Amino acid sequence: MVAYSCHWLIEFLNRPEEITFLALLLAKEILYTLLKGPYGVTLGQIAMEGSNTYRIREAIEHISSKFNPSMRAEELAEAASMSLSSFHRDGYEPYSISEAIKGIV
């Protein structure tokens, strides 16, 4: 379903008279499909400002923009606006963050 919608979204690049209206509908359909899927809750949390998942995303963005091999968890917790204990409790695992960064960079 997502692939089909993405195909049409790309197809509409060649139809400027239709893209204004239909692209918005297709983008909403893609988002709806993703949010209903197995990772929907996590995707929703990433987008929800103030959620812990959103804050972890902030730490990942900090790493990708200011990478330093000697970065400490304290610096990442600060970038996420979290205490160090909350940062560890709510999802900080060096392997997970490094895997997430590979997807960003």
Protein backbone atom coordinates (compact mmCIF):
# COMPACT_ATOMS: atom_id res chain seq x y z
CA MET A 1 0.00 0.00 0.00
CA VAL A 2 2.77 2.45 0.92
CA ALA A 3 4.77 1.52 -2.18
CA TYR A 4 1.72 2.11 -4.37
CA SER A 5 1.09 5.53 -2.81
CA CYS A 6 4.76 6.48 -3.12
CA HIS A 7 4.72 5.43 -6.77
CA TRP A 8 1.77 7.74 -7.47
CA LEU A 9 3.35 10.55 -5.48
CA ILE A 10 6.41 10.34 -7.73
CA GLU A 11 4.22 9.98 -10.80
CA PHE A 12 2.45 13.25 -9.98
CA LEU A 13 5.74 15.13 -10.27
CA ASN A 14 5.10 14.91 -14.01
CA ARG A 15 1.56 16.27 -13.62
CA PRO A 16 1.88 19.70 -11.99
CA GLU A 17 -1.82 20.48 -12.47
CA GLU A 18 -2.78 17.52 -10.26
CA ILE A 19 0.03 17.45 -7.71
CA THR A 20 -1.27 20.30 -5.55
CA PHE A 21 -4.40 18.47 -4.50
CA LEU A 22 -3.55 14.79 -4.88
CA ALA A 23 -0.07 14.84 -3.31
CA LEU A 24 -1.54 15.95 0.01
CA LEU A 25 -4.04 13.09 -0.04
CA LEU A 26 -1.35 10.54 -0.90
CA ALA A 27 0.96 11.86 1.82
CA LYS A 28 -1.86 11.49 4.35
CA GLU A 29 -2.55 7.95 3.11
CA ILE A 30 1.13 7.02 3.51
CA LEU A 31 1.24 8.47 7.01
CA TYR A 32 -2.00 6.72 7.99
CA THR A 33 -0.72 3.37 6.68
CA LEU A 34 2.57 3.71 8.54
CA LEU A 35 0.86 4.68 11.79
CA LYS A 36 -1.48 1.67 11.55
CA GLY A 37 1.44 -0.71 10.99
CA PRO A 38 3.48 -2.61 13.57
CA TYR A 39 5.69 0.40 14.32
CA GLY A 40 2.87 2.93 14.41
CA VAL A 41 3.04 3.59 18.13
CA THR A 42 6.79 4.18 17.99
CA LEU A 43 6.48 6.45 14.94
CA GLY A 44 3.77 8.42 16.71
CA GLN A 45 5.98 8.80 19.78
CA ILE A 46 8.89 10.04 17.67
CA ALA A 47 6.66 12.78 16.29
CA MET A 48 5.05 13.69 19.63
CA GLU A 49 7.02 16.60 21.03
CA GLY A 50 7.88 16.07 24.67
CA SER A 51 7.65 12.26 24.59
CA ASN A 52 10.71 10.34 25.72
CA THR A 53 11.09 8.81 22.26
CA TYR A 54 11.08 12.32 20.78
CA ARG A 55 13.76 13.31 23.26
CA ILE A 56 15.91 10.31 22.36
CA ARG A 57 15.57 11.44 18.73
CA GLU A 58 16.98 14.80 19.84
CA ALA A 59 20.03 12.98 21.24
CA ILE A 60 20.46 11.08 17.97
CA GLU A 61 20.32 14.35 16.02
CA HIS A 62 22.93 15.79 18.41
CA ILE A 63 25.21 12.85 17.70
CA SER A 64 24.79 13.12 13.95
CA SER A 65 25.51 16.85 13.93
CA LYS A 66 28.35 16.93 16.50
CA PHE A 67 29.80 13.44 16.46
CA ASN A 68 32.79 12.94 18.69
CA PRO A 69 34.10 9.44 19.52
CA SER A 70 34.46 10.46 23.15
CA MET A 71 30.85 11.62 23.62
CA ARG A 72 29.50 10.75 27.02
CA ALA A 73 26.01 9.69 28.01
CA GLU A 74 25.71 12.85 30.12
CA GLU A 75 26.08 15.03 27.02
CA LEU A 76 23.45 13.02 25.18
CA ALA A 77 21.07 13.17 28.13
CA GLU A 78 21.48 16.95 28.17
CA ALA A 79 20.79 17.14 24.40
CA ALA A 80 17.62 15.12 25.05
CA SER A 81 16.61 17.39 27.95
CA MET A 82 16.55 14.37 30.24
CA SER A 83 18.26 13.43 33.45
CA LEU A 84 20.98 10.82 33.05
CA SER A 85 18.92 8.20 34.90
CA SER A 86 15.85 8.88 32.68
CA PHE A 87 18.01 8.74 29.59
CA HIS A 88 19.34 5.30 30.59
CA ARG A 89 15.91 4.03 31.69
CA ASP A 90 14.01 5.20 28.61
CA GLY A 91 15.99 3.63 25.84
CA TYR A 92 19.64 4.59 25.80
CA GLU A 93 21.70 1.71 24.56
CA PRO A 94 24.87 2.57 22.66
CA TYR A 95 24.22 -0.12 20.05
CA SER A 96 20.66 1.08 19.39
CA ILE A 97 21.72 4.69 19.01
CA SER A 98 24.61 3.81 16.70
CA GLU A 99 22.25 1.73 14.53
CA ALA A 100 19.78 4.63 14.40
CA ILE A 101 22.55 7.01 13.33
CA LYS A 102 23.46 4.73 10.41
CA GLY A 103 19.94 5.34 9.13
CA ILE A 104 20.31 9.11 9.44
CA VAL A 105 23.81 9.62 8.08
